[in-house]
C-alpha atoms as a PDB file:
ATOM      1  CA  MET A   1     -37.354 265.661-130.749  1.00  0.00           C
ATOM      2  CA  LYS A   2     -37.499 266.784-134.079  1.00  0.00           C
ATOM      3  CA  ILE A   3     -34.164 266.398-135.909  1.00  0.00           C
ATOM      4  CA  ALA A   4     -33.199 268.226-139.017  1.00  0.00           C
ATOM      5  CA  PHE A   5     -30.892 265.756-140.846  1.00  0.00           C
ATOM      6  CA  TYR A   6     -28.684 267.114-143.645  1.00  0.00           C
ATOM      7  CA  ASP A   7     -26.696 265.910-146.579  1.00  0.00           C
ATOM      8  CA  THR A   8     -28.874 262.462-146.544  1.00  0.00           C
ATOM      9  CA  LYS A   9     -27.677 259.850-148.688  1.00  0.00           C
ATOM     10  CA  GLU A  10     -29.775 256.673-149.070  1.00  0.00           C
ATOM     11  CA  TYR A  11     -27.712 254.564-146.581  1.00  0.00           C
ATOM     12  CA  ASP A  12     -28.051 257.403-144.006  1.00  0.00           C
ATOM     13  CA  ARG A  13     -31.773 256.283-143.761  1.00  0.00           C
ATOM     14  CA  ILE A  14     -31.297 252.471-142.934  1.00  0.00           C
ATOM     15  CA  TRP A  15     -30.729 252.721-139.507  1.00  0.00           C
ATOM     16  CA  PHE A  16     -31.550 256.267-138.547  1.00  0.00           C
ATOM     17  CA  GLU A  17     -35.265 255.621-139.909  1.00  0.00           C
ATOM     18  CA  LYS A  18     -35.349 252.598-138.433  1.00  0.00           C
ATOM     19  CA  LEU A  19     -34.167 253.501-134.727  1.00  0.00           C
ATOM     20  CA  ALA A  20     -36.100 256.482-134.599  1.00  0.00           C
ATOM     21  CA  VAL A  21     -39.120 255.085-133.835  1.00  0.00           C
ATOM     22  CA  GLU A  22     -37.421 253.128-131.021  1.00  0.00           C
ATOM     23  CA  TYR A  23     -35.671 256.224-129.694  1.00  0.00           C
ATOM     24  CA  GLY A  24     -39.038 258.206-130.069  1.00  0.00           C
ATOM     25  CA  HIS A  25     -37.824 260.805-132.437  1.00  0.00           C
ATOM     26  CA  GLU A  26     -39.272 262.757-135.755  1.00  0.00           C
ATOM     27  CA  ILE A  27     -36.466 263.353-138.618  1.00  0.00           C
ATOM     28  CA  VAL A  28     -36.897 265.821-141.530  1.00  0.00           C
ATOM     29  CA  PHE A  29     -34.089 264.513-144.065  1.00  0.00           C
ATOM     30  CA  TYR A  30     -32.412 266.911-146.317  1.00  0.00           C
ATOM     31  CA  GLU A  31     -30.052 266.309-149.408  1.00  0.00           C
ATOM     32  CA  SER A  32     -28.560 269.642-148.873  1.00  0.00           C
ATOM     33  CA  ARG A  33     -25.106 270.167-146.947  1.00  0.00           C
ATOM     34  CA  PHE A  34     -25.395 272.205-144.217  1.00  0.00           C
ATOM     35  CA  ILE A  35     -24.269 275.706-144.930  1.00  0.00           C
ATOM     36  CA  ALA A  36     -24.894 279.420-143.772  1.00  0.00           C
ATOM     37  CA  ASP A  37     -27.658 279.329-146.672  1.00  0.00           C
ATOM     38  CA  THR A  38     -29.514 276.139-145.806  1.00  0.00           C
ATOM     39  CA  ALA A  39     -29.400 276.473-142.083  1.00  0.00           C
ATOM     40  CA  ILE A  40     -33.281 277.828-142.505  1.00  0.00           C
ATOM     41  CA  LEU A  41     -34.335 274.590-143.043  1.00  0.00           C
ATOM     42  CA  ALA A  42     -33.868 273.513-139.710  1.00  0.00           C
ATOM     43  CA  ASN A  43     -36.427 276.071-138.718  1.00  0.00           C
ATOM     44  CA  GLY A  44     -39.171 274.108-136.484  1.00  0.00           C
ATOM     45  CA  CYS A  45     -36.703 271.191-135.316  1.00  0.00           C
ATOM     46  CA  ASP A  46     -35.225 270.884-131.626  1.00  0.00           C
ATOM     47  CA  VAL A  47     -31.778 269.712-133.028  1.00  0.00           C
ATOM     48  CA  ALA A  48     -29.430 269.279-135.966  1.00  0.00           C
ATOM     49  CA  CYS A  49     -27.847 266.248-137.235  1.00  0.00           C
ATOM     50  CA  LEU A  50     -24.914 267.076-139.487  1.00  0.00           C
ATOM     51  CA  PHE A  51     -21.505 265.353-141.090  1.00  0.00           C
ATOM     52  CA  VAL A  52     -18.067 265.518-141.568  1.00  0.00           C
ATOM     53  CA  ASN A  53     -18.219 268.070-144.737  1.00  0.00           C
ATOM     54  CA  ASP A  54     -20.761 270.348-143.664  1.00  0.00           C
ATOM     55  CA  VAL A  55     -19.502 273.667-142.925  1.00  0.00           C
ATOM     56  CA  ILE A  56     -20.645 274.904-139.644  1.00  0.00           C
ATOM     57  CA  ASP A  57     -19.182 278.627-139.197  1.00  0.00           C
ATOM     58  CA  GLU A  58     -20.256 281.317-136.784  1.00  0.00           C
ATOM     59  CA  LYS A  59     -22.912 282.705-139.038  1.00  0.00           C
ATOM     60  CA  SER A  60     -24.736 279.520-139.474  1.00  0.00           C
ATOM     61  CA  ILE A  61     -24.370 278.627-135.742  1.00  0.00           C
ATOM     62  CA  ASN A  62     -26.012 281.916-134.878  1.00  0.00           C
ATOM     63  CA  MET A  63     -28.899 281.382-137.307  1.00  0.00           C
ATOM     64  CA  LEU A  64     -29.525 277.773-135.612  1.00  0.00           C
ATOM     65  CA  SER A  65     -29.297 279.612-132.377  1.00  0.00           C
ATOM     66  CA  ASP A  66     -31.979 282.239-132.887  1.00  0.00           C
ATOM     67  CA  MET A  67     -33.978 279.545-134.398  1.00  0.00           C
ATOM     68  CA  GLY A  68     -33.965 277.527-131.020  1.00  0.00           C
ATOM     69  CA  ILE A  69     -31.925 274.955-132.099  1.00  0.00           C
ATOM     70  CA  LYS A  70     -30.540 273.438-128.795  1.00  0.00           C
ATOM     71  CA  ALA A  71     -27.904 270.933-129.885  1.00  0.00           C
ATOM     72  CA  ILE A  72     -25.465 269.591-132.985  1.00  0.00           C
ATOM     73  CA  LEU A  73     -25.458 265.968-133.634  1.00  0.00           C
ATOM     74  CA  LEU A  74     -22.262 265.423-135.405  1.00  0.00           C
ATOM     75  CA  ARG A  75     -22.506 261.851-136.980  1.00  0.00           C
ATOM     76  CA  CYS A  76     -19.180 261.473-137.434  1.00  0.00           C
ATOM     77  CA  ALA A  77     -15.671 261.641-135.440  1.00  0.00           C
ATOM     78  CA  GLY A  78     -14.019 264.699-136.879  1.00  0.00           C
ATOM     79  CA  TYR A  79     -15.340 268.174-135.583  1.00  0.00           C
ATOM     80  CA  ASP A  80     -12.460 270.202-137.251  1.00  0.00           C
ATOM     81  CA  ASN A  81     -15.489 271.595-139.606  1.00  0.00           C
ATOM     82  CA  ILE A  82     -17.168 273.734-136.812  1.00  0.00           C
ATOM     83  CA  ASP A  83     -16.637 276.331-134.844  1.00  0.00           C
ATOM     84  CA  LEU A  84     -16.662 275.509-131.293  1.00  0.00           C
ATOM     85  CA  LYS A  85     -15.821 278.763-129.862  1.00  0.00           C
ATOM     86  CA  ALA A  86     -19.129 280.131-131.866  1.00  0.00           C
ATOM     87  CA  CYS A  87     -21.064 277.252-129.989  1.00  0.00           C
ATOM     88  CA  GLU A  88     -20.350 278.427-126.489  1.00  0.00           C
ATOM     89  CA  GLY A  89     -23.382 278.906-124.339  1.00  0.00           C
ATOM     90  CA  LYS A  90     -25.454 278.641-127.222  1.00  0.00           C
ATOM     91  CA  ILE A  91     -25.485 275.257-128.651  1.00  0.00           C
ATOM     92  CA  THR A  92     -24.149 271.814-127.180  1.00  0.00           C
ATOM     93  CA  VAL A  93     -22.172 269.669-129.753  1.00  0.00           C
ATOM     94  CA  MET A  94     -21.650 266.404-129.549  1.00  0.00           C
ATOM     95  CA  ARG A  95     -20.020 263.850-131.819  1.00  0.00           C
ATOM     96  CA  VAL A  96     -19.586 259.655-132.422  1.00  0.00           C
ATOM     97  CA  PRO A  97     -15.957 259.360-131.577  1.00  0.00           C
ATOM     98  CA  SER A  98     -15.693 255.695-132.221  1.00  0.00           C
ATOM     99  CA  TYR A  99     -18.162 253.535-134.356  1.00  0.00           C
ATOM    100  CA  SER A 100     -16.190 251.080-135.935  1.00  0.00           C
ATOM    101  CA  PRO A 101     -12.537 250.954-135.506  1.00  0.00           C
ATOM    102  CA  THR A 102     -12.220 247.626-136.860  1.00  0.00           C
ATOM    103  CA  ALA A 103     -14.094 248.688-140.041  1.00  0.00           C
ATOM    104  CA  VAL A 104     -11.369 251.290-141.035  1.00  0.00           C
ATOM    105  CA  ALA A 105      -8.405 249.577-140.132  1.00  0.00           C
ATOM    106  CA  GLU A 106      -9.541 246.778-141.995  1.00  0.00           C
ATOM    107  CA  TYR A 107     -10.206 249.131-144.952  1.00  0.00           C
ATOM    108  CA  ALA A 108      -6.656 250.696-144.522  1.00  0.00           C
ATOM    109  CA  ALA A 109      -5.250 247.374-144.328  1.00  0.00           C
ATOM    110  CA  ALA A 110      -6.962 246.311-147.733  1.00  0.00           C
ATOM    111  CA  LEU A 111      -5.968 249.835-149.658  1.00  0.00           C
ATOM    112  CA  PHE A 112      -2.240 248.851-148.343  1.00  0.00           C
ATOM    113  CA  LEU A 113      -2.700 245.317-149.955  1.00  0.00           C
ATOM    114  CA  THR A 114      -4.134 246.354-153.212  1.00  0.00           C
ATOM    115  CA  LEU A 115      -1.502 248.745-153.635  1.00  0.00           C
ATOM    116  CA  ASN A 116       1.285 246.345-153.070  1.00  0.00           C
ATOM    117  CA  ARG A 117       0.177 243.737-155.018  1.00  0.00           C
ATOM    118  CA  LYS A 118      -1.783 245.499-157.737  1.00  0.00           C
ATOM    119  CA  THR A 119      -4.715 243.371-157.405  1.00  0.00           C
ATOM    120  CA  HIS A 120      -6.938 246.593-158.608  1.00  0.00           C
ATOM    121  CA  LYS A 121      -4.523 246.398-161.834  1.00  0.00           C
ATOM    122  CA  ALA A 122      -4.646 242.579-162.066  1.00  0.00           C
ATOM    123  CA  TYR A 123      -8.821 243.207-162.305  1.00  0.00           C
ATOM    124  CA  THR A 124      -8.615 245.456-164.906  1.00  0.00           C
ATOM    125  CA  ARG A 125      -6.395 243.596-167.138  1.00  0.00           C
ATOM    126  CA  THR A 126      -8.252 240.007-166.752  1.00  0.00           C
ATOM    127  CA  ARG A 127     -11.559 241.482-167.249  1.00  0.00           C
ATOM    128  CA  GLU A 128     -10.117 242.428-171.011  1.00  0.00           C
ATOM    129  CA  PHE A 129      -8.549 238.734-170.976  1.00  0.00           C
ATOM    130  CA  ASN A 130      -5.114 240.304-170.842  1.00  0.00           C
ATOM    131  CA  PHE A 131      -3.671 237.692-168.420  1.00  0.00           C
ATOM    132  CA  LYS A 132       0.152 239.099-168.533  1.00  0.00           C
ATOM    133  CA  ILE A 133       1.503 239.719-164.955  1.00  0.00           C
ATOM    134  CA  SER A 134       4.315 241.877-165.818  1.00  0.00           C
ATOM    135  CA  GLY A 135       4.210 245.005-163.925  1.00  0.00           C
ATOM    136  CA  LEU A 136       2.046 243.651-161.213  1.00  0.00           C
ATOM    137  CA  MET A 137       4.932 242.547-158.717  1.00  0.00           C
ATOM    138  CA  GLY A 138       4.689 243.281-155.101  1.00  0.00           C
ATOM    139  CA  MET A 139       7.010 242.887-151.817  1.00  0.00           C
ATOM    140  CA  THR A 140       6.271 240.087-149.477  1.00  0.00           C
ATOM    141  CA  LEU A 141       5.226 241.873-146.082  1.00  0.00           C
ATOM    142  CA  ARG A 142       6.681 239.395-143.520  1.00  0.00           C
ATOM    143  CA  GLY A 143       9.519 240.941-141.990  1.00  0.00           C
ATOM    144  CA  LYS A 144       8.954 244.057-143.240  1.00  0.00           C
ATOM    145  CA  THR A 145       8.499 247.168-141.121  1.00  0.00           C
ATOM    146  CA  ALA A 146       5.200 249.344-140.559  1.00  0.00           C
ATOM    147  CA  GLY A 147       4.863 252.803-138.913  1.00  0.00           C
ATOM    148  CA  VAL A 148       1.540 253.457-137.181  1.00  0.00           C
ATOM    149  CA  VAL A 149       1.135 256.994-136.440  1.00  0.00           C
ATOM    150  CA  GLY A 150      -1.293 257.458-133.573  1.00  0.00           C
ATOM    151  CA  THR A 151      -2.454 254.468-131.641  1.00  0.00           C
ATOM    152  CA  GLY A 152      -6.358 255.133-130.456  1.00  0.00           C
ATOM    153  CA  LYS A 153      -8.961 252.557-131.174  1.00  0.00           C
ATOM    154  CA  ILE A 154      -8.314 252.310-134.670  1.00  0.00           C
ATOM    155  CA  GLY A 155      -4.570 252.458-134.527  1.00  0.00           C
ATOM    156  CA  LYS A 156      -4.624 249.669-131.906  1.00  0.00           C
ATOM    157  CA  VAL A 157      -6.419 247.393-134.238  1.00  0.00           C
ATOM    158  CA  MET A 158      -4.029 248.248-137.379  1.00  0.00           C
ATOM    159  CA  VAL A 159      -1.192 247.422-134.899  1.00  0.00           C
ATOM    160  CA  GLU A 160      -2.886 243.933-134.894  1.00  0.00           C
ATOM    161  CA  ILE A 161      -3.638 243.147-138.369  1.00  0.00           C
ATOM    162  CA  LEU A 162      -0.057 244.187-139.414  1.00  0.00           C
ATOM    163  CA  LYS A 163       1.523 241.744-136.828  1.00  0.00           C
ATOM    164  CA  GLY A 164      -0.968 239.138-138.085  1.00  0.00           C
ATOM    165  CA  PHE A 165       1.069 239.657-141.500  1.00  0.00           C
ATOM    166  CA  GLY A 166       4.284 238.940-139.632  1.00  0.00           C
ATOM    167  CA  MET A 167       5.710 242.551-139.834  1.00  0.00           C
ATOM    168  CA  THR A 168       7.517 244.754-137.263  1.00  0.00           C
ATOM    169  CA  VAL A 169       5.004 247.413-136.134  1.00  0.00           C
ATOM    170  CA  ILE A 170       6.491 250.495-134.659  1.00  0.00           C
ATOM    171  CA  ALA A 171       4.383 253.257-133.395  1.00  0.00           C
ATOM    172  CA  TYR A 172       4.167 256.985-132.794  1.00  0.00           C
ATOM    173  CA  ASP A 173       1.830 258.791-130.403  1.00  0.00           C
ATOM    174  CA  PRO A 174       2.388 261.735-128.187  1.00  0.00           C
ATOM    175  CA  TYR A 175       0.446 259.654-125.622  1.00  0.00           C
ATOM    176  CA  PRO A 176       1.665 256.441-125.769  1.00  0.00           C
ATOM    177  CA  ASP A 177      -0.646 253.460-124.485  1.00  0.00           C
ATOM    178  CA  THR A 178       1.647 251.474-122.245  1.00  0.00           C
ATOM    179  CA  SER A 179      -1.163 248.261-122.387  1.00  0.00           C
ATOM    180  CA  LEU A 180      -0.371 247.997-126.086  1.00  0.00           C
ATOM    181  CA  ASP A 181       2.325 245.492-127.253  1.00  0.00           C
ATOM    182  CA  VAL A 182       4.021 247.834-129.539  1.00  0.00           C
ATOM    183  CA  ASP A 183       7.648 249.490-129.723  1.00  0.00           C
ATOM    184  CA  TYR A 184       6.916 253.236-129.376  1.00  0.00           C
ATOM    185  CA  VAL A 185       9.656 255.682-131.477  1.00  0.00           C
ATOM    186  CA  THR A 186       9.803 259.198-132.316  1.00  0.00           C
ATOM    187  CA  LEU A 187       8.160 260.360-135.374  1.00  0.00           C
ATOM    188  CA  ASP A 188      11.513 260.817-136.930  1.00  0.00           C
ATOM    189  CA  GLU A 189      12.668 257.246-136.317  1.00  0.00           C
ATOM    190  CA  LEU A 190       9.246 255.920-137.586  1.00  0.00           C
ATOM    191  CA  LEU A 191       9.849 257.897-140.896  1.00  0.00           C
ATOM    192  CA  LYS A 192      13.071 256.939-141.390  1.00  0.00           C
ATOM    193  CA  ASN A 193      12.452 253.019-140.693  1.00  0.00           C
ATOM    194  CA  SER A 194       9.078 252.154-142.102  1.00  0.00           C
ATOM    195  CA  ASP A 195       8.267 250.276-145.374  1.00  0.00           C
ATOM    196  CA  VAL A 196       4.724 251.456-145.247  1.00  0.00           C
ATOM    197  CA  ILE A 197       3.230 254.036-143.024  1.00  0.00           C
ATOM    198  CA  THR A 198      -0.231 254.381-141.904  1.00  0.00           C
ATOM    199  CA  LEU A 199      -2.494 257.353-140.284  1.00  0.00           C
ATOM    200  CA  HIS A 200      -4.264 256.746-137.797  1.00  0.00           C
ATOM    201  CA  CYS A 201      -4.923 260.109-135.788  1.00  0.00           C
ATOM    202  CA  PRO A 202      -7.285 263.278-135.459  1.00  0.00           C
ATOM    203  CA  LEU A 203      -6.706 266.505-137.187  1.00  0.00           C
ATOM    204  CA  SER A 204      -5.522 269.266-134.855  1.00  0.00           C
ATOM    205  CA  PRO A 205      -3.521 272.263-135.306  1.00  0.00           C
ATOM    206  CA  GLU A 206      -0.428 269.805-133.804  1.00  0.00           C
ATOM    207  CA  THR A 207      -1.429 267.025-136.795  1.00  0.00           C
ATOM    208  CA  ARG A 208      -2.157 269.203-139.534  1.00  0.00           C
ATOM    209  CA  TYR A 209       0.099 268.605-142.439  1.00  0.00           C
ATOM    210  CA  ILE A 210       2.331 265.978-140.211  1.00  0.00           C
ATOM    211  CA  ILE A 211       3.252 264.854-143.580  1.00  0.00           C
ATOM    212  CA  ASN A 212       4.879 267.389-145.481  1.00  0.00           C
ATOM    213  CA  LYS A 213       7.980 268.362-147.365  1.00  0.00           C
ATOM    214  CA  ASN A 214      10.161 267.804-144.307  1.00  0.00           C
ATOM    215  CA  SER A 215       8.718 264.647-143.270  1.00  0.00           C
ATOM    216  CA  ILE A 216       8.454 263.326-146.831  1.00  0.00           C
ATOM    217  CA  SER A 217      12.163 263.763-146.956  1.00  0.00           C
ATOM    218  CA  LYS A 218      13.184 261.746-144.125  1.00  0.00           C
ATOM    219  CA  MET A 219      11.446 258.564-145.242  1.00  0.00           C
ATOM    220  CA  LYS A 220      12.723 255.709-146.951  1.00  0.00           C
ATOM    221  CA  ASP A 221      12.560 255.623-150.598  1.00  0.00           C
ATOM    222  CA  GLY A 222      10.023 253.212-152.006  1.00  0.00           C
ATOM    223  CA  VAL A 223       8.040 253.944-148.780  1.00  0.00           C
ATOM    224  CA  PHE A 224       4.074 253.192-149.168  1.00  0.00           C
ATOM    225  CA  LEU A 225       1.577 256.134-147.325  1.00  0.00           C
ATOM    226  CA  ILE A 226      -1.901 254.981-146.008  1.00  0.00           C
ATOM    227  CA  ASN A 227      -4.315 257.977-144.807  1.00  0.00           C
ATOM    228  CA  THR A 228      -7.794 256.887-143.958  1.00  0.00           C
ATOM    229  CA  SER A 229      -7.901 259.498-140.850  1.00  0.00           C
ATOM    230  CA  ARG A 230      -8.285 262.793-142.004  1.00  0.00           C
ATOM    231  CA  GLY A 231      -7.183 264.749-145.424  1.00  0.00           C
ATOM    232  CA  GLY A 232      -5.516 267.651-143.537  1.00  0.00           C
ATOM    233  CA  LEU A 233      -2.780 265.237-142.276  1.00  0.00           C
ATOM    234  CA  VAL A 234      -1.195 265.438-145.648  1.00  0.00           C
ATOM    235  CA  ASP A 235       0.012 268.542-147.521  1.00  0.00           C
ATOM    236  CA  THR A 236      -1.170 267.358-150.937  1.00  0.00           C
ATOM    237  CA  GLN A 237       1.338 269.813-152.927  1.00  0.00           C
ATOM    238  CA  ALA A 238       4.146 268.222-150.842  1.00  0.00           C
ATOM    239  CA  LEU A 239       2.719 264.798-151.601  1.00  0.00           C
ATOM    240  CA  ASN A 240       2.680 265.255-155.285  1.00  0.00           C
ATOM    241  CA  ASP A 241       6.152 266.553-155.442  1.00  0.00           C
ATOM    242  CA  GLY A 242       7.240 263.045-153.685  1.00  0.00           C
ATOM    243  CA  LEU A 243       5.545 261.355-156.256  1.00  0.00           C
ATOM    244  CA  ARG A 244       6.829 263.259-159.183  1.00  0.00           C
ATOM    245  CA  SER A 245      10.504 262.298-157.568  1.00  0.00           C
ATOM    246  CA  ASN A 246       9.800 258.377-157.286  1.00  0.00           C
ATOM    247  CA  LYS A 247       9.658 258.722-153.305  1.00  0.00           C
ATOM    248  CA  PHE A 248       6.703 256.441-153.057  1.00  0.00           C
ATOM    249  CA  THR A 249       6.487 253.134-154.293  1.00  0.00           C
ATOM    250  CA  GLY A 250       2.528 253.678-153.589  1.00  0.00           C
ATOM    251  CA  VAL A 251       0.010 256.042-151.787  1.00  0.00           C
ATOM    252  CA  ALA A 252      -3.767 255.175-150.959  1.00  0.00           C
ATOM    253  CA  LEU A 253      -6.004 257.841-149.631  1.00  0.00           C
ATOM    254  CA  ASP A 254      -9.467 257.720-148.438  1.00  0.00           C
ATOM    255  CA  VAL A 255      -9.340 261.428-147.451  1.00  0.00           C
ATOM    256  CA  TYR A 256      -8.683 264.531-148.730  1.00  0.00           C
ATOM    257  CA  GLU A 257      -7.642 268.098-147.671  1.00  0.00           C
ATOM    258  CA  GLU A 258     -10.146 269.430-150.031  1.00  0.00           C
ATOM    259  CA  GLU A 259     -12.691 266.464-150.178  1.00  0.00           C
ATOM    260  CA  ASP A 260     -15.770 268.531-149.138  1.00  0.00           C
ATOM    261  CA  GLU A 261     -16.229 269.510-152.633  1.00  0.00           C
ATOM    262  CA  TYR A 262     -16.198 266.520-154.387  1.00  0.00           C
ATOM    263  CA  PHE A 263     -16.323 263.123-151.923  1.00  0.00           C
ATOM    264  CA  PHE A 264     -19.957 261.478-151.806  1.00  0.00           C
ATOM    265  CA  GLU A 265     -20.998 262.995-154.932  1.00  0.00           C
ATOM    266  CA  ASP A 266     -21.111 261.926-158.153  1.00  0.00           C
ATOM    267  CA  ARG A 267     -18.706 264.376-160.206  1.00  0.00           C
ATOM    268  CA  SER A 268     -18.291 262.031-163.161  1.00  0.00           C
ATOM    269  CA  ASN A 269     -19.751 264.593-165.734  1.00  0.00           C
ATOM    270  CA  ASP A 270     -18.278 267.691-164.323  1.00  0.00           C
ATOM    271  CA  ILE A 271     -14.981 269.527-164.918  1.00  0.00           C
ATOM    272  CA  ILE A 272     -12.511 269.130-162.030  1.00  0.00           C
ATOM    273  CA  LYS A 273     -11.076 272.182-160.986  1.00  0.00           C
ATOM    274  CA  ASP A 274      -8.844 271.103-158.668  1.00  0.00           C
ATOM    275  CA  ASP A 275      -5.213 271.006-159.901  1.00  0.00           C
ATOM    276  CA  GLU A 276      -3.645 268.923-156.943  1.00  0.00           C
ATOM    277  CA  LEU A 277      -6.775 265.757-157.154  1.00  0.00           C
ATOM    278  CA  ILE A 278      -6.249 265.812-160.903  1.00  0.00           C
ATOM    279  CA  LYS A 279      -2.339 265.541-160.500  1.00  0.00           C
ATOM    280  CA  LEU A 280      -2.559 262.756-157.511  1.00  0.00           C
ATOM    281  CA  MET A 281      -5.106 261.001-159.904  1.00  0.00           C
ATOM    282  CA  ALA A 282      -2.452 260.793-162.884  1.00  0.00           C
ATOM    283  CA  TYR A 283      -0.146 258.945-160.843  1.00  0.00           C
ATOM    284  CA  PRO A 284      -0.237 254.770-161.737  1.00  0.00           C
ATOM    285  CA  ASN A 285       0.647 254.254-158.236  1.00  0.00           C
ATOM    286  CA  VAL A 286      -2.122 256.199-156.409  1.00  0.00           C
ATOM    287  CA  LEU A 287      -4.720 254.498-155.207  1.00  0.00           C
ATOM    288  CA  ILE A 288      -7.802 257.074-153.883  1.00  0.00           C
ATOM    289  CA  THR A 289     -11.284 256.276-152.683  1.00  0.00           C
ATOM    290  CA  SER A 290     -14.362 258.625-151.292  1.00  0.00           C
ATOM    291  CA  HIS A 291     -14.012 258.400-147.763  1.00  0.00           C
ATOM    292  CA  GLN A 292     -15.671 254.715-147.327  1.00  0.00           C
ATOM    293  CA  ALA A 293     -13.306 253.058-144.553  1.00  0.00           C
ATOM    294  CA  PHE A 294     -16.176 253.484-142.107  1.00  0.00           C
ATOM    295  CA  PHE A 295     -18.827 252.085-144.709  1.00  0.00           C
ATOM    296  CA  THR A 296     -20.133 248.585-143.487  1.00  0.00           C
ATOM    297  CA  ASN A 297     -23.577 247.940-141.974  1.00  0.00           C
ATOM    298  CA  GLU A 298     -22.254 247.290-138.598  1.00  0.00           C
ATOM    299  CA  ALA A 299     -20.630 250.922-138.554  1.00  0.00           C
ATOM    300  CA  LEU A 300     -23.795 252.621-139.782  1.00  0.00           C
ATOM    301  CA  GLU A 301     -25.863 251.112-137.065  1.00  0.00           C
ATOM    302  CA  ALA A 302     -23.435 252.091-134.287  1.00  0.00           C
ATOM    303  CA  ILE A 303     -23.193 255.729-135.757  1.00  0.00           C
ATOM    304  CA  ALA A 304     -27.149 255.827-135.397  1.00  0.00           C
ATOM    305  CA  ARG A 305     -27.419 254.184-132.233  1.00  0.00           C
ATOM    306  CA  THR A 306     -24.561 256.508-130.682  1.00  0.00           C
ATOM    307  CA  THR A 307     -26.098 259.594-132.520  1.00  0.00           C
ATOM    308  CA  TYR A 308     -29.220 258.946-130.526  1.00  0.00           C
ATOM    309  CA  ASP A 309     -27.829 257.936-127.327  1.00  0.00           C
ATOM    310  CA  ASN A 310     -25.996 261.120-127.251  1.00  0.00           C
ATOM    311  CA  LEU A 311     -29.417 263.074-127.876  1.00  0.00           C
ATOM    312  CA  LYS A 312     -31.165 261.100-125.171  1.00  0.00           C
ATOM    313  CA  ALA A 313     -28.220 262.046-122.541  1.00  0.00           C
ATOM    314  CA  PHE A 314     -28.675 265.855-123.463  1.00  0.00           C
ATOM    315  CA  ILE A 315     -32.589 265.264-123.112  1.00  0.00           C
ATOM    316  CA  ASP A 316     -32.221 263.671-119.747  1.00  0.00           C
ATOM    317  CA  GLY A 317     -29.730 265.804-118.485  1.00  0.00           C
ATOM    318  CA  ALA A 318     -26.864 263.080-118.249  1.00  0.00           C
ATOM    319  CA  PRO A 319     -23.198 263.524-118.319  1.00  0.00           C
ATOM    320  CA  LEU A 320     -22.436 264.059-122.087  1.00  0.00           C
ATOM    321  CA  GLU A 321     -19.264 261.879-122.809  1.00  0.00           C
ATOM    322  CA  ASN A 322     -19.286 262.675-126.350  1.00  0.00           C
ATOM    323  CA  GLU A 323     -19.786 266.515-126.118  1.00  0.00           C
ATOM    324  CA  VAL A 324     -16.793 268.469-127.624  1.00  0.00           C
ATOM    325  CA  LYS A 325     -16.122 272.103-126.295  1.00  0.00           C
ATOM    326  CA  TYR A 326     -14.061 274.968-127.691  1.00  0.00           C
ATOM    327  CA  GLN A 327     -10.401 274.239-126.142  1.00  0.00           C
ATOM    328  CA  PRO A 328      -8.576 277.810-126.099  1.00  0.00           C
ATOM    329  CA  LYS A 329      -5.043 277.613-127.540  1.00  0.00           C
END
């Protein structure tokens, strides 16, 4: 099949081009993000391959359907950016639900360690031959309590990593995994008792703003917060208020609720108009990275293979394990 590939970065080509020959597909790469105005670029193709920050609304879906697009391949886990109701009966949507749980969990741990021991600040100092260690004090992790919100594939790996540090690990998930060696508690108990809280749940109406003014007020003073999942899990204004009141020892975000305007792009010469993001950047105890927790060579190969396997199942009329459908509330 002929695939219209949107929001192309140089690293996308590595495995998608290499495996296109193996799977027998033709790809047309576009650097443009997918929105209604760029949907026309898919004309003449059979499917569209889209990413987490593409805007897939009813108008653009109807345009794709009218052009004969049969399927949308999401090369990501999240799908809250697509109007699934508009896709019903028109276009099949498939995603990559899990490409490298280990990579994401390892990165979340790296963010936590960096925040705690301030290695990013130490690196900057010593590059300028400033070898003072004042202001770089952290805490010993052994014996402290870590709260993991969401115990899917990524959360499970995170539990293992945190236990490896000698931490007491507690977890919250509305659907506990009884095979996992962890103590499940209520969300309120997790908020109250955790020295670090790390988020590993999908974005849904139930989890949107799970970190808000009320939940922040229930946390320990001096808590660490790590989010490598979805930006919409955190109410940014409430987070900024919490930072201003010294609630957090540190906050690390690899995702941001309004990231589609900035992440994955070079905005270093632009005037940033997002006041909440500017506020976050101003805090010395906040570490923000650009949605790169997944970014390993192994993960990129897994994303490409799963995307092509999804398409193969669609072509063959096989069961679509990774199809996402509209679920009425």
